[in-house]
Amino acid sequence: MRDAYQEQLEGLAGALAGMCTEVAAAMEKATRSLLQCDLQLAEEVISEDIRVDELRAAAEERAFALLALQAPVATDLRIVVSAIHGAGDIERMGDLALHVAQAARRRHPQPVLPDEVAPYFAEMGRVAVELATKAGDVIRTRDLARAAELEGDDDAMDDLHRHMFTVLMDRNWSHGVGPAVDITLLARFYERYADHAVAVARRIVYVVTGQMPGPLAV
């Protein structure tokens, strides 16, 4: 009986890690659609977003069933509660990748990004995908050192986000208000995506240690 219960807990963790894989792939494709003005990629991200929503619902159903039927305590309770919150964070990451793809579709066939800012968004996309992938690894392994790495990656994303404001406030900016609004929103999507990945990792720290390390993304 205990073995079956542990398998259920492991299955819940596996479901969340699988969600991280899904949202990493979504952001990778969304970023490429943005940089390459690729409408097909944007449409794929948009149509596939419902899968992440379904995975969240399934993970929450598993978690609530464990709460109702197993009455977990101590570490097991932390696992289940963190899974419920984590599923929400990961689902939100999928939504943010969706928003990036929608921006690419909205402006197609015109590029969303002026040439001088495209490399920064390429880097934001790379960091975002790495964060989601690491978050999945942390869920699977409960590796606290790996969890700590996400904080440094998030700092890199924050630096890129701030730099966008420097670019937009430069008096030599020549692309007008529309592109500036797009860039501001897109940079925010990437920054929030990173924050949610860090929140997932922090919840695993809570599972292992019983202590929540600092404020979480909302």
N, C-alpha and C. Protein backbone atom coordinates (compact mmCIF):
# COMPACT_ATOMS: atom_id res chain seq x y z
N MET A 1 0.83 -1.21 0.00
CA MET A 1 0.00 0.00 0.00
C MET A 1 0.87 1.26 0.00
N ARG A 2 1.91 1.23 0.85
CA ARG A 2 2.82 2.36 0.93
C ARG A 2 3.55 2.56 -0.40
N ASP A 3 3.93 1.45 -1.05
CA ASP A 3 4.63 1.55 -2.32
C ASP A 3 3.74 2.22 -3.37
N ALA A 4 2.47 1.87 -3.38
CA ALA A 4 1.54 2.48 -4.34
C ALA A 4 1.40 3.97 -4.07
N TYR A 5 1.38 4.33 -2.80
CA TYR A 5 1.27 5.74 -2.41
C TYR A 5 2.50 6.52 -2.89
N GLN A 6 3.68 5.96 -2.69
CA GLN A 6 4.90 6.62 -3.13
C GLN A 6 4.94 6.74 -4.65
N GLU A 7 4.43 5.73 -5.33
CA GLU A 7 4.36 5.81 -6.79
C GLU A 7 3.43 6.94 -7.23
N GLN A 8 2.36 7.16 -6.49
CA GLN A 8 1.46 8.27 -6.81
C GLN A 8 2.15 9.61 -6.63
N LEU A 9 2.93 9.75 -5.54
CA LEU A 9 3.68 10.99 -5.32
C LEU A 9 4.71 11.20 -6.42
N GLU A 10 5.40 10.14 -6.79
CA GLU A 10 6.40 10.26 -7.86
C GLU A 10 5.73 10.58 -9.19
N GLY A 11 4.56 10.01 -9.41
CA GLY A 11 3.82 10.31 -10.63
C GLY A 11 3.40 11.76 -10.71
N LEU A 12 3.06 12.32 -9.56
CA LEU A 12 2.70 13.74 -9.50
C LEU A 12 3.89 14.60 -9.86
N ALA A 13 5.06 14.28 -9.30
CA ALA A 13 6.28 15.03 -9.63
C ALA A 13 6.61 14.87 -11.12
N GLY A 14 6.46 13.67 -11.63
CA GLY A 14 6.73 13.45 -13.05
C GLY A 14 5.81 14.26 -13.95
N ALA A 15 4.55 14.39 -13.54
CA ALA A 15 3.61 15.19 -14.32
C ALA A 15 4.04 16.65 -14.38
N LEU A 16 4.49 17.18 -13.25
CA LEU A 16 4.94 18.58 -13.22
C LEU A 16 6.20 18.77 -14.05
N ALA A 17 7.13 17.82 -13.94
CA ALA A 17 8.35 17.90 -14.74
C ALA A 17 8.01 17.85 -16.23
N GLY A 18 7.04 17.02 -16.58
CA GLY A 18 6.60 16.97 -17.98
C GLY A 18 6.00 18.28 -18.44
N MET A 19 5.28 18.95 -17.56
CA MET A 19 4.75 20.27 -17.89
C MET A 19 5.89 21.26 -18.18
N CYS A 20 6.96 21.18 -17.40
CA CYS A 20 8.12 22.06 -17.63
C CYS A 20 8.70 21.82 -19.02
N THR A 21 8.78 20.56 -19.41
CA THR A 21 9.27 20.24 -20.76
C THR A 21 8.37 20.87 -21.82
N GLU A 22 7.07 20.80 -21.60
CA GLU A 22 6.11 21.36 -22.56
C GLU A 22 6.28 22.88 -22.69
N VAL A 23 6.40 23.57 -21.55
CA VAL A 23 6.46 25.04 -21.64
C VAL A 23 7.83 25.50 -22.11
N ALA A 24 8.88 24.70 -21.88
CA ALA A 24 10.18 25.03 -22.45
C ALA A 24 10.11 24.97 -23.97
N ALA A 25 9.49 23.91 -24.49
CA ALA A 25 9.35 23.78 -25.95
C ALA A 25 8.48 24.89 -26.51
N ALA A 26 7.44 25.27 -25.77
CA ALA A 26 6.56 26.35 -26.24
C ALA A 26 7.32 27.66 -26.34
N MET A 27 8.14 27.99 -25.33
CA MET A 27 8.87 29.25 -25.38
C MET A 27 9.96 29.22 -26.44
N GLU A 28 10.57 28.06 -26.65
CA GLU A 28 11.58 27.97 -27.70
C GLU A 28 10.96 28.26 -29.06
N LYS A 29 9.81 27.67 -29.32
CA LYS A 29 9.14 27.88 -30.60
C LYS A 29 8.59 29.31 -30.71
N ALA A 30 8.06 29.82 -29.61
CA ALA A 30 7.53 31.18 -29.63
C ALA A 30 8.64 32.19 -29.93
N THR A 31 9.80 31.97 -29.35
CA THR A 31 10.92 32.89 -29.60
C THR A 31 11.37 32.82 -31.04
N ARG A 32 11.44 31.62 -31.59
CA ARG A 32 11.82 31.49 -33.00
C ARG A 32 10.78 32.15 -33.91
N SER A 33 9.51 31.99 -33.56
CA SER A 33 8.47 32.63 -34.37
C SER A 33 8.62 34.15 -34.34
N LEU A 34 9.01 34.67 -33.19
CA LEU A 34 9.21 36.11 -33.02
C LEU A 34 10.39 36.61 -33.84
N LEU A 35 11.50 35.87 -33.77
CA LEU A 35 12.73 36.31 -34.42
C LEU A 35 12.71 36.09 -35.92
N GLN A 36 11.99 35.05 -36.36
CA GLN A 36 12.01 34.67 -37.77
C GLN A 36 10.72 35.05 -38.51
N CYS A 37 9.80 35.73 -37.82
CA CYS A 37 8.49 36.06 -38.41
C CYS A 37 7.83 34.80 -38.98
N ASP A 38 7.88 33.73 -38.19
CA ASP A 38 7.40 32.42 -38.65
C ASP A 38 5.98 32.21 -38.13
N LEU A 39 5.02 32.39 -39.01
CA LEU A 39 3.62 32.28 -38.62
C LEU A 39 3.25 30.86 -38.23
N GLN A 40 3.78 29.87 -38.93
CA GLN A 40 3.44 28.49 -38.62
C GLN A 40 3.85 28.12 -37.19
N LEU A 41 5.05 28.53 -36.80
CA LEU A 41 5.50 28.25 -35.43
C LEU A 41 4.60 28.94 -34.42
N ALA A 42 4.25 30.18 -34.69
CA ALA A 42 3.36 30.90 -33.78
C ALA A 42 2.03 30.17 -33.63
N GLU A 43 1.48 29.71 -34.74
CA GLU A 43 0.21 29.00 -34.70
C GLU A 43 0.33 27.69 -33.91
N GLU A 44 1.47 27.02 -34.02
CA GLU A 44 1.67 25.78 -33.26
C GLU A 44 1.64 26.06 -31.77
N VAL A 45 2.34 27.10 -31.35
CA VAL A 45 2.35 27.43 -29.92
C VAL A 45 0.94 27.76 -29.43
N ILE A 46 0.22 28.51 -30.23
CA ILE A 46 -1.13 28.93 -29.83
C ILE A 46 -2.07 27.73 -29.73
N SER A 47 -2.00 26.85 -30.72
CA SER A 47 -2.92 25.70 -30.72
C SER A 47 -2.55 24.67 -29.66
N GLU A 48 -1.27 24.59 -29.30
CA GLU A 48 -0.83 23.58 -28.34
C GLU A 48 -0.96 24.04 -26.89
N ASP A 49 -1.30 25.30 -26.68
CA ASP A 49 -1.38 25.80 -25.30
C ASP A 49 -2.44 25.05 -24.49
N ILE A 50 -3.49 24.61 -25.14
CA ILE A 50 -4.55 23.90 -24.41
C ILE A 50 -4.01 22.64 -23.75
N ARG A 51 -2.96 22.05 -24.33
CA ARG A 51 -2.38 20.84 -23.73
C ARG A 51 -1.81 21.14 -22.34
N VAL A 52 -1.16 22.28 -22.20
CA VAL A 52 -0.60 22.65 -20.89
C VAL A 52 -1.72 22.86 -19.89
N ASP A 53 -2.81 23.48 -20.34
CA ASP A 53 -3.97 23.66 -19.46
C ASP A 53 -4.52 22.32 -18.99
N GLU A 54 -4.58 21.37 -19.91
CA GLU A 54 -5.08 20.04 -19.57
C GLU A 54 -4.14 19.33 -18.60
N LEU A 55 -2.84 19.49 -18.80
CA LEU A 55 -1.87 18.87 -17.90
C LEU A 55 -1.97 19.46 -16.50
N ARG A 56 -2.21 20.78 -16.42
CA ARG A 56 -2.39 21.39 -15.10
C ARG A 56 -3.62 20.80 -14.41
N ALA A 57 -4.71 20.70 -15.13
CA ALA A 57 -5.94 20.16 -14.54
C ALA A 57 -5.72 18.73 -14.06
N ALA A 58 -5.00 17.93 -14.85
CA ALA A 58 -4.75 16.54 -14.46
C ALA A 58 -3.86 16.47 -13.23
N ALA A 59 -2.83 17.33 -13.17
CA ALA A 59 -1.94 17.34 -12.01
C ALA A 59 -2.69 17.76 -10.75
N GLU A 60 -3.54 18.77 -10.86
CA GLU A 60 -4.31 19.21 -9.71
C GLU A 60 -5.28 18.12 -9.25
N GLU A 61 -5.87 17.41 -10.20
CA GLU A 61 -6.79 16.33 -9.85
C GLU A 61 -6.06 15.25 -9.06
N ARG A 62 -4.85 14.91 -9.51
CA ARG A 62 -4.03 13.93 -8.78
C ARG A 62 -3.74 14.42 -7.37
N ALA A 63 -3.36 15.68 -7.27
CA ALA A 63 -2.98 16.23 -5.97
C ALA A 63 -4.16 16.24 -5.01
N PHE A 64 -5.32 16.68 -5.48
CA PHE A 64 -6.49 16.72 -4.60
C PHE A 64 -6.93 15.31 -4.20
N ALA A 65 -6.77 14.36 -5.10
CA ALA A 65 -7.10 12.97 -4.75
C ALA A 65 -6.19 12.47 -3.64
N LEU A 66 -4.92 12.81 -3.71
CA LEU A 66 -3.98 12.40 -2.65
C LEU A 66 -4.36 13.05 -1.32
N LEU A 67 -4.73 14.33 -1.37
CA LEU A 67 -5.15 15.00 -0.14
C LEU A 67 -6.38 14.32 0.47
N ALA A 68 -7.33 13.98 -0.38
CA ALA A 68 -8.58 13.43 0.11
C ALA A 68 -8.45 11.99 0.59
N LEU A 69 -7.66 11.20 -0.12
CA LEU A 69 -7.64 9.76 0.14
C LEU A 69 -6.48 9.32 1.04
N GLN A 70 -5.39 10.09 1.04
CA GLN A 70 -4.20 9.65 1.78
C GLN A 70 -3.91 10.50 3.01
N ALA A 71 -4.51 11.68 3.11
CA ALA A 71 -4.27 12.59 4.24
C ALA A 71 -2.78 12.70 4.55
N PRO A 72 -1.97 13.15 3.58
CA PRO A 72 -0.52 13.19 3.78
C PRO A 72 -0.13 14.17 4.88
N VAL A 73 1.01 13.92 5.48
CA VAL A 73 1.55 14.79 6.52
C VAL A 73 3.03 15.05 6.23
N ALA A 74 3.58 16.05 6.93
CA ALA A 74 5.02 16.37 6.86
C ALA A 74 5.46 16.57 5.41
N THR A 75 6.56 15.89 5.00
CA THR A 75 7.12 16.09 3.67
C THR A 75 6.11 15.76 2.58
N ASP A 76 5.35 14.69 2.77
CA ASP A 76 4.38 14.30 1.75
C ASP A 76 3.33 15.39 1.55
N LEU A 77 2.91 16.00 2.62
CA LEU A 77 1.94 17.10 2.50
C LEU A 77 2.55 18.27 1.76
N ARG A 78 3.80 18.57 2.05
CA ARG A 78 4.48 19.66 1.35
C ARG A 78 4.58 19.36 -0.14
N ILE A 79 4.82 18.11 -0.48
CA ILE A 79 4.90 17.73 -1.90
C ILE A 79 3.58 18.03 -2.59
N VAL A 80 2.48 17.61 -1.98
CA VAL A 80 1.18 17.75 -2.62
C VAL A 80 0.78 19.21 -2.73
N VAL A 81 0.94 19.97 -1.67
CA VAL A 81 0.57 21.38 -1.69
C VAL A 81 1.45 22.15 -2.69
N SER A 82 2.75 21.84 -2.69
CA SER A 82 3.65 22.52 -3.63
C SER A 82 3.32 22.16 -5.06
N ALA A 83 2.86 20.94 -5.28
CA ALA A 83 2.47 20.53 -6.63
C ALA A 83 1.29 21.34 -7.13
N ILE A 84 0.33 21.59 -6.25
CA ILE A 84 -0.85 22.37 -6.66
C ILE A 84 -0.42 23.78 -7.07
N HIS A 85 0.42 24.40 -6.25
CA HIS A 85 0.90 25.75 -6.58
C HIS A 85 1.81 25.72 -7.81
N GLY A 86 2.70 24.72 -7.86
CA GLY A 86 3.64 24.63 -8.96
C GLY A 86 2.96 24.44 -10.30
N ALA A 87 1.89 23.66 -10.32
CA ALA A 87 1.15 23.46 -11.57
C ALA A 87 0.63 24.79 -12.10
N GLY A 88 0.19 25.66 -11.19
CA GLY A 88 -0.27 26.98 -11.60
C GLY A 88 0.84 27.83 -12.17
N ASP A 89 2.02 27.78 -11.53
CA ASP A 89 3.16 28.54 -12.04
C ASP A 89 3.54 28.07 -13.44
N ILE A 90 3.61 26.75 -13.63
CA ILE A 90 4.04 26.22 -14.92
C ILE A 90 3.00 26.52 -16.00
N GLU A 91 1.73 26.41 -15.65
CA GLU A 91 0.68 26.75 -16.61
C GLU A 91 0.78 28.21 -17.03
N ARG A 92 1.12 29.07 -16.09
CA ARG A 92 1.29 30.49 -16.40
C ARG A 92 2.47 30.70 -17.35
N MET A 93 3.53 29.91 -17.18
CA MET A 93 4.67 29.98 -18.11
C MET A 93 4.21 29.67 -19.53
N GLY A 94 3.34 28.67 -19.64
CA GLY A 94 2.79 28.36 -20.96
C GLY A 94 1.99 29.52 -21.52
N ASP A 95 1.22 30.18 -20.68
CA ASP A 95 0.45 31.35 -21.13
C ASP A 95 1.36 32.46 -21.63
N LEU A 96 2.49 32.65 -20.97
CA LEU A 96 3.41 33.72 -21.38
C LEU A 96 4.08 33.38 -22.71
N ALA A 97 4.41 32.12 -22.92
CA ALA A 97 4.91 31.71 -24.24
C ALA A 97 3.83 31.95 -25.30
N LEU A 98 2.60 31.66 -24.94
CA LEU A 98 1.47 31.92 -25.83
C LEU A 98 1.40 33.40 -26.21
N HIS A 99 1.57 34.28 -25.24
CA HIS A 99 1.51 35.72 -25.51
C HIS A 99 2.61 36.15 -26.50
N VAL A 100 3.79 35.55 -26.37
CA VAL A 100 4.88 35.86 -27.30
C VAL A 100 4.48 35.44 -28.72
N ALA A 101 3.93 34.23 -28.83
CA ALA A 101 3.51 33.74 -30.14
C ALA A 101 2.39 34.59 -30.72
N GLN A 102 1.48 35.04 -29.88
CA GLN A 102 0.38 35.89 -30.36
C GLN A 102 0.91 37.22 -30.89
N ALA A 103 1.95 37.75 -30.26
CA ALA A 103 2.55 39.00 -30.76
C ALA A 103 3.15 38.79 -32.14
N ALA A 104 3.82 37.64 -32.33
CA ALA A 104 4.40 37.35 -33.64
C ALA A 104 3.30 37.20 -34.69
N ARG A 105 2.20 36.55 -34.33
CA ARG A 105 1.10 36.38 -35.28
C ARG A 105 0.42 37.71 -35.58
N ARG A 106 0.26 38.54 -34.56
CA ARG A 106 -0.45 39.81 -34.74
C ARG A 106 0.26 40.72 -35.74
N ARG A 107 1.59 40.71 -35.72
CA ARG A 107 2.35 41.61 -36.59
C ARG A 107 2.74 40.98 -37.93
N HIS A 108 2.53 39.69 -38.08
CA HIS A 108 2.92 39.01 -39.31
C HIS A 108 2.21 39.64 -40.52
N PRO A 109 2.89 39.83 -41.66
CA PRO A 109 4.25 39.38 -41.98
C PRO A 109 5.35 40.36 -41.59
N GLN A 110 4.99 41.45 -40.91
CA GLN A 110 5.99 42.41 -40.47
C GLN A 110 6.72 41.89 -39.23
N PRO A 111 7.99 42.19 -39.09
CA PRO A 111 8.70 41.79 -37.87
C PRO A 111 8.23 42.60 -36.67
N VAL A 112 8.19 41.96 -35.52
CA VAL A 112 7.83 42.66 -34.29
C VAL A 112 9.01 43.47 -33.78
N LEU A 113 10.22 42.93 -33.97
CA LEU A 113 11.41 43.50 -33.34
C LEU A 113 12.31 44.21 -34.34
N PRO A 114 12.72 45.44 -34.04
CA PRO A 114 13.78 46.07 -34.83
C PRO A 114 15.07 45.25 -34.71
N ASP A 115 15.90 45.34 -35.73
CA ASP A 115 17.11 44.51 -35.78
C ASP A 115 18.00 44.67 -34.56
N GLU A 116 18.07 45.89 -34.02
CA GLU A 116 19.03 46.11 -32.94
C GLU A 116 18.62 45.47 -31.61
N VAL A 117 17.34 45.13 -31.45
CA VAL A 117 16.93 44.50 -30.19
C VAL A 117 16.74 42.99 -30.34
N ALA A 118 16.71 42.48 -31.56
CA ALA A 118 16.49 41.05 -31.77
C ALA A 118 17.48 40.17 -31.01
N PRO A 119 18.78 40.50 -30.99
CA PRO A 119 19.71 39.63 -30.26
C PRO A 119 19.41 39.55 -28.76
N TYR A 120 18.88 40.60 -28.19
CA TYR A 120 18.54 40.56 -26.76
C TYR A 120 17.37 39.60 -26.52
N PHE A 121 16.42 39.58 -27.43
CA PHE A 121 15.31 38.67 -27.26
C PHE A 121 15.71 37.23 -27.54
N ALA A 122 16.66 37.05 -28.44
CA ALA A 122 17.21 35.70 -28.64
C ALA A 122 17.82 35.19 -27.34
N GLU A 123 18.54 36.07 -26.65
CA GLU A 123 19.14 35.67 -25.38
C GLU A 123 18.09 35.45 -24.29
N MET A 124 17.08 36.30 -24.26
CA MET A 124 16.01 36.09 -23.29
C MET A 124 15.31 34.76 -23.53
N GLY A 125 15.12 34.43 -24.79
CA GLY A 125 14.51 33.14 -25.10
C GLY A 125 15.37 31.99 -24.64
N ARG A 126 16.67 32.09 -24.88
CA ARG A 126 17.59 31.02 -24.46
C ARG A 126 17.55 30.85 -22.94
N VAL A 127 17.62 31.96 -22.21
CA VAL A 127 17.60 31.89 -20.75
C VAL A 127 16.27 31.32 -20.26
N ALA A 128 15.18 31.73 -20.87
CA ALA A 128 13.86 31.24 -20.45
C ALA A 128 13.75 29.73 -20.62
N VAL A 129 14.17 29.22 -21.76
CA VAL A 129 14.10 27.78 -22.00
C VAL A 129 14.99 27.03 -21.01
N GLU A 130 16.16 27.57 -20.75
CA GLU A 130 17.06 26.93 -19.79
C GLU A 130 16.44 26.91 -18.39
N LEU A 131 15.79 27.98 -18.02
CA LEU A 131 15.14 28.04 -16.71
C LEU A 131 14.04 26.98 -16.59
N ALA A 132 13.21 26.86 -17.62
CA ALA A 132 12.14 25.87 -17.57
C ALA A 132 12.71 24.45 -17.52
N THR A 133 13.76 24.21 -18.28
CA THR A 133 14.38 22.89 -18.29
C THR A 133 14.98 22.57 -16.92
N LYS A 134 15.66 23.54 -16.33
CA LYS A 134 16.24 23.33 -15.00
C LYS A 134 15.15 23.12 -13.95
N ALA A 135 14.06 23.86 -14.07
CA ALA A 135 12.96 23.67 -13.11
C ALA A 135 12.45 22.24 -13.16
N GLY A 136 12.33 21.68 -14.37
CA GLY A 136 11.92 20.29 -14.50
C GLY A 136 12.92 19.35 -13.86
N ASP A 137 14.21 19.63 -14.04
CA ASP A 137 15.25 18.80 -13.42
C ASP A 137 15.15 18.84 -11.90
N VAL A 138 14.90 20.05 -11.37
CA VAL A 138 14.80 20.21 -9.91
C VAL A 138 13.61 19.43 -9.37
N ILE A 139 12.50 19.46 -10.09
CA ILE A 139 11.33 18.69 -9.65
C ILE A 139 11.66 17.20 -9.58
N ARG A 140 12.36 16.71 -10.60
CA ARG A 140 12.68 15.28 -10.67
C ARG A 140 13.68 14.87 -9.59
N THR A 141 14.70 15.71 -9.36
CA THR A 141 15.84 15.30 -8.52
C THR A 141 15.81 15.87 -7.11
N ARG A 142 15.05 16.97 -6.91
CA ARG A 142 15.08 17.71 -5.64
C ARG A 142 16.51 18.14 -5.28
N ASP A 143 17.24 18.52 -6.28
CA ASP A 143 18.63 18.94 -6.12
C ASP A 143 18.65 20.42 -5.74
N LEU A 144 19.05 20.70 -4.50
CA LEU A 144 19.00 22.08 -4.02
C LEU A 144 20.06 22.96 -4.70
N ALA A 145 21.20 22.38 -5.05
CA ALA A 145 22.22 23.16 -5.76
C ALA A 145 21.71 23.57 -7.13
N ARG A 146 21.02 22.65 -7.78
CA ARG A 146 20.43 22.95 -9.09
C ARG A 146 19.35 24.03 -8.94
N ALA A 147 18.58 23.93 -7.87
CA ALA A 147 17.55 24.95 -7.62
C ALA A 147 18.17 26.33 -7.46
N ALA A 148 19.31 26.39 -6.77
CA ALA A 148 19.98 27.67 -6.55
C ALA A 148 20.47 28.28 -7.86
N GLU A 149 20.79 27.45 -8.85
CA GLU A 149 21.25 27.96 -10.14
C GLU A 149 20.19 28.83 -10.81
N LEU A 150 18.94 28.51 -10.56
CA LEU A 150 17.87 29.27 -11.21
C LEU A 150 17.86 30.72 -10.77
N GLU A 151 18.29 30.99 -9.54
CA GLU A 151 18.34 32.38 -9.07
C GLU A 151 19.31 33.19 -9.92
N GLY A 152 20.49 32.60 -10.22
CA GLY A 152 21.45 33.31 -11.05
C GLY A 152 20.96 33.52 -12.47
N ASP A 153 20.29 32.49 -13.01
CA ASP A 153 19.72 32.63 -14.35
C ASP A 153 18.65 33.72 -14.38
N ASP A 154 17.86 33.79 -13.32
CA ASP A 154 16.83 34.81 -13.24
C ASP A 154 17.44 36.21 -13.17
N ASP A 155 18.59 36.35 -12.49
CA ASP A 155 19.28 37.64 -12.45
C ASP A 155 19.68 38.07 -13.86
N ALA A 156 20.13 37.11 -14.67
CA ALA A 156 20.51 37.42 -16.05
C ALA A 156 19.29 37.91 -16.84
N MET A 157 18.15 37.27 -16.61
CA MET A 157 16.92 37.71 -17.28
C MET A 157 16.52 39.11 -16.82
N ASP A 158 16.64 39.37 -15.54
CA ASP A 158 16.30 40.70 -15.02
C ASP A 158 17.19 41.77 -15.64
N ASP A 159 18.48 41.45 -15.82
CA ASP A 159 19.40 42.41 -16.45
C ASP A 159 18.98 42.71 -17.89
N LEU A 160 18.59 41.68 -18.62
CA LEU A 160 18.14 41.87 -20.00
C LEU A 160 16.85 42.70 -20.03
N HIS A 161 15.96 42.42 -19.10
CA HIS A 161 14.70 43.16 -19.02
C HIS A 161 14.97 44.65 -18.77
N ARG A 162 15.85 44.94 -17.82
CA ARG A 162 16.18 46.34 -17.53
C ARG A 162 16.84 47.02 -18.72
N HIS A 163 17.68 46.26 -19.43
CA HIS A 163 18.39 46.86 -20.55
C HIS A 163 17.43 47.31 -21.64
N MET A 164 16.32 46.61 -21.78
CA MET A 164 15.34 47.03 -22.79
C MET A 164 14.84 48.44 -22.53
N PHE A 165 14.69 48.80 -21.26
CA PHE A 165 14.25 50.16 -20.95
C PHE A 165 15.33 51.18 -21.32
N THR A 166 16.58 50.80 -21.15
CA THR A 166 17.67 51.68 -21.56
C THR A 166 17.62 51.93 -23.07
N VAL A 167 17.39 50.86 -23.82
CA VAL A 167 17.30 50.99 -25.27
C VAL A 167 16.12 51.88 -25.67
N LEU A 168 14.98 51.64 -25.05
CA LEU A 168 13.77 52.38 -25.43
C LEU A 168 13.84 53.85 -25.03
N MET A 169 14.57 54.15 -23.96
CA MET A 169 14.67 55.53 -23.49
C MET A 169 15.78 56.32 -24.19
N ASP A 170 16.57 55.62 -24.98
CA ASP A 170 17.65 56.30 -25.70
C ASP A 170 17.06 57.32 -26.67
N ARG A 171 17.64 58.49 -26.70
CA ARG A 171 17.07 59.55 -27.56
C ARG A 171 17.25 59.25 -29.04
N ASN A 172 18.08 58.26 -29.36
CA ASN A 172 18.26 57.86 -30.76
C ASN A 172 17.25 56.80 -31.20
N TRP A 173 16.35 56.40 -30.30
CA TRP A 173 15.31 55.45 -30.69
C TRP A 173 14.48 56.05 -31.82
N SER A 174 14.36 55.31 -32.92
CA SER A 174 13.75 55.89 -34.12
C SER A 174 12.56 55.09 -34.63
N HIS A 175 12.07 54.12 -33.84
CA HIS A 175 11.06 53.19 -34.36
C HIS A 175 9.65 53.52 -33.91
N GLY A 176 9.48 54.59 -33.15
CA GLY A 176 8.14 55.02 -32.81
C GLY A 176 7.54 54.31 -31.61
N VAL A 177 6.28 54.65 -31.34
CA VAL A 177 5.61 54.18 -30.13
C VAL A 177 5.17 52.72 -30.24
N GLY A 178 4.64 52.32 -31.39
CA GLY A 178 4.12 50.96 -31.54
C GLY A 178 5.13 49.89 -31.22
N PRO A 179 6.30 49.88 -31.88
CA PRO A 179 7.32 48.90 -31.55
C PRO A 179 7.80 49.00 -30.10
N ALA A 180 7.84 50.22 -29.55
CA ALA A 180 8.26 50.37 -28.16
C ALA A 180 7.29 49.68 -27.21
N VAL A 181 6.00 49.79 -27.50
CA VAL A 181 4.99 49.12 -26.68
C VAL A 181 5.13 47.61 -26.80
N ASP A 182 5.30 47.11 -28.02
CA ASP A 182 5.48 45.67 -28.22
C ASP A 182 6.69 45.15 -27.44
N ILE A 183 7.78 45.87 -27.53
CA ILE A 183 9.01 45.43 -26.88
C ILE A 183 8.86 45.45 -25.36
N THR A 184 8.20 46.48 -24.85
CA THR A 184 7.97 46.55 -23.41
C THR A 184 7.16 45.36 -22.92
N LEU A 185 6.10 45.05 -23.62
CA LEU A 185 5.26 43.92 -23.23
C LEU A 185 6.00 42.60 -23.36
N LEU A 186 6.70 42.42 -24.47
CA LEU A 186 7.41 41.16 -24.69
C LEU A 186 8.49 40.94 -23.64
N ALA A 187 9.25 41.98 -23.33
CA ALA A 187 10.28 41.84 -22.31
C ALA A 187 9.68 41.45 -20.97
N ARG A 188 8.51 42.00 -20.67
CA ARG A 188 7.82 41.65 -19.44
C ARG A 188 7.37 40.19 -19.44
N PHE A 189 6.90 39.70 -20.60
CA PHE A 189 6.50 38.29 -20.67
C PHE A 189 7.67 37.37 -20.33
N TYR A 190 8.84 37.66 -20.89
CA TYR A 190 10.01 36.82 -20.60
C TYR A 190 10.43 36.93 -19.14
N GLU A 191 10.39 38.13 -18.62
CA GLU A 191 10.79 38.33 -17.21
C GLU A 191 9.86 37.58 -16.27
N ARG A 192 8.56 37.62 -16.54
CA ARG A 192 7.61 36.91 -15.68
C ARG A 192 7.72 35.40 -15.85
N TYR A 193 7.98 34.94 -17.05
CA TYR A 193 8.22 33.52 -17.29
C TYR A 193 9.36 33.03 -16.39
N ALA A 194 10.44 33.79 -16.36
CA ALA A 194 11.58 33.42 -15.52
C ALA A 194 11.19 33.42 -14.04
N ASP A 195 10.42 34.39 -13.62
CA ASP A 195 10.01 34.45 -12.22
C ASP A 195 9.20 33.22 -11.82
N HIS A 196 8.34 32.76 -12.70
CA HIS A 196 7.53 31.58 -12.38
C HIS A 196 8.40 30.32 -12.32
N ALA A 197 9.40 30.24 -13.17
CA ALA A 197 10.33 29.09 -13.10
C ALA A 197 11.06 29.07 -11.76
N VAL A 198 11.49 30.24 -11.32
CA VAL A 198 12.16 30.33 -10.01
C VAL A 198 11.20 29.95 -8.89
N ALA A 199 9.95 30.37 -9.02
CA ALA A 199 8.96 30.02 -7.99
C ALA A 199 8.81 28.52 -7.88
N VAL A 200 8.82 27.81 -9.01
CA VAL A 200 8.74 26.35 -8.99
C VAL A 200 9.92 25.77 -8.23
N ALA A 201 11.12 26.26 -8.53
CA ALA A 201 12.32 25.75 -7.85
C ALA A 201 12.27 26.03 -6.35
N ARG A 202 11.79 27.21 -5.98
CA ARG A 202 11.70 27.55 -4.56
C ARG A 202 10.72 26.63 -3.82
N ARG A 203 9.69 26.21 -4.52
CA ARG A 203 8.74 25.30 -3.88
C ARG A 203 9.38 23.94 -3.61
N ILE A 204 10.31 23.53 -4.46
CA ILE A 204 11.03 22.28 -4.21
C ILE A 204 11.97 22.44 -3.01
N VAL A 205 12.58 23.60 -2.89
CA VAL A 205 13.38 23.86 -1.68
C VAL A 205 12.52 23.72 -0.44
N TYR A 206 11.30 24.23 -0.52
CA TYR A 206 10.35 24.11 0.60
C TYR A 206 10.02 22.65 0.88
N VAL A 207 9.83 21.86 -0.17
CA VAL A 207 9.54 20.44 0.02
C VAL A 207 10.66 19.76 0.79
N VAL A 208 11.91 20.06 0.41
CA VAL A 208 13.06 19.37 1.00
C VAL A 208 13.38 19.88 2.39
N THR A 209 13.31 21.20 2.58
CA THR A 209 13.79 21.80 3.84
C THR A 209 12.68 22.17 4.81
N GLY A 210 11.47 22.33 4.30
CA GLY A 210 10.38 22.80 5.14
C GLY A 210 10.34 24.31 5.30
N GLN A 211 11.24 25.02 4.60
CA GLN A 211 11.30 26.47 4.68
C GLN A 211 11.22 27.08 3.30
N MET A 212 10.42 28.13 3.15
CA MET A 212 10.25 28.79 1.88
C MET A 212 11.32 29.87 1.72
N PRO A 213 12.17 29.79 0.68
CA PRO A 213 13.28 30.72 0.54
C PRO A 213 12.89 32.02 -0.15
N GLY A 214 12.29 32.94 0.57
CA GLY A 214 12.01 34.26 -0.01
C GLY A 214 10.68 34.32 -0.73
N PRO A 215 10.32 35.53 -1.24
CA PRO A 215 9.02 35.73 -1.88
C PRO A 215 8.92 34.97 -3.19
N LEU A 216 7.72 34.53 -3.50
CA LEU A 216 7.46 33.79 -4.72
C LEU A 216 6.84 34.69 -5.77
N ALA A 217 7.02 34.30 -7.04
CA ALA A 217 6.32 34.99 -8.12
C ALA A 217 4.83 34.71 -8.01
N VAL A 218 4.06 35.69 -8.46
CA VAL A 218 2.61 35.52 -8.43
C VAL A 218 2.05 35.73 -9.83
